[in-house]
Amino acid sequence: MYKVFVNEKKLLLSKQSENLEKTLGYENVTTLEIALDLLENTSVRELNVFGENIEEIWAEFQKLFRIIEAAGGLVNNPDGDILFIKRLGKWDLPKGKMEKGESREESAVREIEEETGLKDVELVQFINTTYHIYVERNGDKVLKCTHWFEMNFDGEDTSKPQSEEGITEVAWKKTTQIEEEVFPSTFKNIKLIVKEFWDTKTK
């Protein structure tokens, strides 16, 4: 199953039909083009494309886009707080594009240290990958795949926002603050990965 966000609307690619606002049985790549058109140009908020061979559907879907890979992390401190950044008025998690020759892990650590000013962030484990679509100024459609990692930080708090990247704030947030302050002003992908991370901690 793959969840992709299109302008904050959900596209779910799955084997079986899911109970969403609209469902389409996969026939060929045209099914995917219709699904994207509905999400981009109508009031449909969530849509499910289903078909038996999910990996084939995913491969066809990826061909419709230029793929950009990014990596980032959920950084925890010993108090169990999570580190967030604020950019363009929205809360986000530190992340960025992978550079040529970098592993996902190297990229995640580098981006976190660059965007937040922290040093010696410890990588714990991979959490999941999130997907969202956007259109570049030149009209290129991009599928951004962000690989998320759990991180720990237990050093001197040298956090400061990377202003040249448009980051205005770096802040540690407790669970209640995340639910009350961050979630109302963040992206669905970020909510998704934070909740998934919390789920792994409560199991």
Protein backbone atom coordinates (compact mmCIF):
# COMPACT_ATOMS: atom_id res chain seq x y z
CA MET A 1 0.00 0.00 0.00
CA TYR A 2 1.27 3.48 -0.90
CA LYS A 3 -0.07 6.80 0.41
CA VAL A 4 0.73 9.84 -1.71
CA PHE A 5 -0.34 13.40 -0.94
CA VAL A 6 -1.42 15.65 -3.81
CA ASN A 7 -1.99 19.23 -2.59
CA GLU A 8 -2.68 17.79 0.89
CA LYS A 9 -5.26 15.38 -0.60
CA LYS A 10 -4.74 11.63 -0.18
CA LEU A 11 -4.15 9.15 -3.00
CA LEU A 12 -4.04 5.57 -1.75
CA LEU A 13 -2.68 2.82 -4.01
CA SER A 14 -3.67 -0.59 -2.67
CA LYS A 15 -4.40 -4.22 -3.57
CA GLN A 16 -7.99 -4.23 -2.30
CA SER A 17 -10.62 -1.53 -2.58
CA GLU A 18 -10.49 0.78 0.45
CA ASN A 19 -13.43 2.71 1.87
CA LEU A 20 -12.46 6.20 0.67
CA GLU A 21 -14.49 9.01 -0.87
CA LYS A 22 -13.76 7.72 -4.40
CA THR A 23 -12.34 4.42 -5.67
CA LEU A 24 -11.03 3.41 -9.10
CA GLY A 25 -10.09 -0.10 -10.20
CA TYR A 26 -6.70 -0.06 -11.93
CA GLU A 27 -6.80 -0.86 -15.65
CA ASN A 28 -3.74 0.93 -17.04
CA VAL A 29 -1.74 4.12 -16.62
CA THR A 30 -4.78 6.16 -17.71
CA THR A 31 -6.47 5.18 -14.41
CA LEU A 32 -3.65 6.92 -12.55
CA GLU A 33 -3.86 10.00 -14.77
CA ILE A 34 -7.62 10.22 -14.11
CA ALA A 35 -7.02 9.85 -10.36
CA LEU A 36 -4.47 12.68 -10.33
CA ASP A 37 -6.76 14.91 -12.40
CA LEU A 38 -9.63 14.36 -9.95
CA LEU A 39 -7.45 15.23 -6.96
CA GLU A 40 -5.86 18.26 -8.63
CA ASN A 41 -8.95 19.75 -10.29
CA THR A 42 -12.08 18.70 -8.36
CA SER A 43 -13.33 18.78 -4.78
CA VAL A 44 -12.45 15.09 -4.21
CA ARG A 45 -10.36 14.96 -1.00
CA GLU A 46 -9.28 11.30 -1.03
CA LEU A 47 -9.11 8.65 -3.68
CA ASN A 48 -8.17 4.98 -3.82
CA VAL A 49 -6.75 3.22 -6.89
CA PHE A 50 -6.72 -0.54 -6.34
CA GLY A 51 -5.41 -3.51 -8.26
CA GLU A 52 -3.91 -6.93 -7.58
CA ASN A 53 -0.36 -6.13 -8.74
CA ILE A 54 0.43 -3.19 -6.46
CA GLU A 55 4.15 -3.05 -7.34
CA GLU A 56 3.36 -2.81 -11.06
CA ILE A 57 0.87 0.02 -10.33
CA TRP A 58 3.49 1.81 -8.23
CA ALA A 59 6.12 1.44 -10.97
CA GLU A 60 3.72 2.91 -13.56
CA PHE A 61 2.81 5.72 -11.18
CA GLN A 62 6.46 6.69 -10.64
CA LYS A 63 7.00 6.97 -14.41
CA LEU A 64 4.60 9.95 -14.45
CA PHE A 65 7.01 12.06 -12.40
CA ARG A 66 10.53 13.25 -11.90
CA ILE A 67 11.60 11.58 -8.65
CA ILE A 68 13.36 13.56 -5.93
CA GLU A 69 14.66 11.67 -2.91
CA ALA A 70 15.00 13.36 0.44
CA ALA A 71 15.79 12.26 3.99
CA GLY A 72 15.05 13.59 7.43
CA GLY A 73 14.35 12.64 10.97
CA LEU A 74 12.36 12.71 14.16
CA VAL A 75 14.95 13.81 16.69
CA ASN A 76 14.22 12.92 20.33
CA ASN A 77 15.90 14.31 23.43
CA PRO A 78 16.14 12.47 26.80
CA ASP A 79 12.83 14.09 27.89
CA GLY A 80 11.02 12.49 24.94
CA ASP A 81 10.49 15.81 23.11
CA ILE A 82 10.65 15.93 19.30
CA LEU A 83 12.52 18.63 17.38
CA PHE A 84 10.52 20.68 14.86
CA ILE A 85 11.40 23.52 12.52
CA LYS A 86 9.14 26.33 11.32
CA ARG A 87 9.31 27.33 7.67
CA LEU A 88 6.89 29.56 5.74
CA GLY A 89 4.62 29.70 8.79
CA LYS A 90 4.22 25.91 9.05
CA TRP A 91 5.74 23.43 11.45
CA ASP A 92 7.84 20.75 9.77
CA LEU A 93 10.45 18.13 10.55
CA PRO A 94 14.06 18.74 9.44
CA LYS A 95 14.72 17.12 6.08
CA GLY A 96 16.22 17.84 2.67
CA LYS A 97 17.26 16.51 -0.70
CA MET A 98 19.81 13.72 -0.80
CA GLU A 99 23.10 14.61 -2.44
CA LYS A 100 24.77 12.45 -5.06
CA GLY A 101 26.63 9.52 -3.51
CA GLU A 102 25.00 9.91 -0.09
CA SER A 103 23.17 7.12 1.68
CA ARG A 104 19.74 7.87 3.10
CA GLU A 105 21.19 7.72 6.60
CA GLU A 106 24.05 10.14 5.82
CA SER A 107 21.65 12.54 4.15
CA ALA A 108 19.22 12.50 7.09
CA VAL A 109 21.94 13.28 9.64
CA ARG A 110 23.50 16.02 7.46
CA GLU A 111 20.18 17.75 6.77
CA ILE A 112 19.17 17.69 10.45
CA GLU A 113 22.50 19.15 11.55
CA GLU A 114 22.39 21.84 8.82
CA GLU A 115 18.78 22.89 9.38
CA THR A 116 18.77 22.84 13.19
CA GLY A 117 22.37 23.65 14.17
CA LEU A 118 22.68 20.51 16.33
CA LYS A 119 25.86 18.43 16.29
CA ASP A 120 26.41 14.69 16.84
CA VAL A 121 22.85 13.54 16.22
CA GLU A 122 22.64 9.77 16.69
CA LEU A 123 20.76 7.76 14.09
CA VAL A 124 18.61 4.99 15.63
CA GLN A 125 16.49 3.33 12.92
CA PHE A 126 14.46 3.80 9.76
CA ILE A 127 10.77 4.64 10.33
CA ASN A 128 9.13 4.88 6.88
CA THR A 129 8.99 6.78 3.59
CA THR A 130 6.37 9.43 2.81
CA TYR A 131 5.38 10.64 -0.66
CA HIS A 132 4.00 13.89 -1.97
CA ILE A 133 3.57 15.50 -5.36
CA TYR A 134 4.19 19.07 -6.40
CA VAL A 135 4.69 21.02 -9.61
CA GLU A 136 7.88 22.99 -10.18
CA ARG A 137 7.89 26.47 -11.74
CA ASN A 138 8.93 24.99 -15.09
CA GLY A 139 5.83 22.75 -15.04
CA ASP A 140 7.68 19.52 -14.12
CA LYS A 141 5.65 17.19 -11.93
CA VAL A 142 7.74 15.90 -9.06
CA LEU A 143 7.19 12.91 -6.77
CA LYS A 144 9.15 13.59 -3.60
CA CYS A 145 10.07 10.51 -1.58
CA THR A 146 11.22 11.40 1.93
CA HIS A 147 12.91 8.69 4.00
CA TRP A 148 12.42 9.25 7.73
CA PHE A 149 14.65 8.05 10.57
CA GLU A 150 14.38 8.01 14.33
CA MET A 151 17.24 10.00 15.89
CA ASN A 152 18.46 10.68 19.41
CA PHE A 153 20.18 13.80 20.71
CA ASP A 154 21.74 14.07 24.14
CA GLY A 155 24.35 16.82 23.73
CA GLU A 156 24.57 20.56 24.25
CA ASP A 157 21.53 22.25 22.69
CA THR A 158 23.13 24.45 20.01
CA SER A 159 19.92 24.57 17.96
CA LYS A 160 19.40 27.59 15.73
CA PRO A 161 17.35 27.95 12.54
CA GLN A 162 19.09 27.83 9.15
CA SER A 163 17.73 31.18 7.98
CA GLU A 164 19.05 30.87 4.42
CA GLU A 165 16.68 27.92 4.00
CA GLY A 166 13.74 30.05 5.18
CA ILE A 167 13.63 28.43 8.62
CA THR A 168 12.46 30.89 11.29
CA GLU A 169 12.33 28.67 14.37
CA VAL A 170 13.71 25.45 15.84
CA ALA A 171 11.85 24.10 18.87
CA TRP A 172 11.56 20.98 21.02
CA LYS A 173 7.91 20.01 21.42
CA LYS A 174 6.26 17.77 24.00
CA THR A 175 3.44 15.40 22.97
CA THR A 176 0.68 17.79 24.11
CA GLN A 177 2.34 20.71 22.26
CA ILE A 178 2.63 18.59 19.11
CA GLU A 179 -1.09 17.78 19.24
CA GLU A 180 -2.20 21.32 20.12
CA GLU A 181 0.32 23.53 18.26
CA VAL A 182 2.09 21.51 15.57
CA PHE A 183 -0.68 19.31 14.11
CA PRO A 184 -3.08 22.20 13.30
CA SER A 185 -0.27 23.95 11.40
CA THR A 186 1.67 21.25 9.57
CA PHE A 187 1.42 18.93 6.55
CA LYS A 188 -0.51 15.65 6.46
CA ASN A 189 2.69 13.73 5.69
CA ILE A 190 4.26 15.09 8.88
CA LYS A 191 1.23 14.11 10.98
CA LEU A 192 1.35 10.67 9.38
CA ILE A 193 5.02 10.00 10.19
CA VAL A 194 4.80 11.40 13.76
CA LYS A 195 1.77 9.21 14.52
CA GLU A 196 3.50 6.21 12.98
CA PHE A 197 6.54 6.92 15.14
CA TRP A 198 4.36 7.16 18.27
CA ASP A 199 2.72 3.86 17.36
CA THR A 200 6.12 2.12 17.28
CA LYS A 201 6.86 3.48 20.77
CA THR A 202 3.61 2.24 22.32
CA LYS A 203 3.88 -1.31 20.95
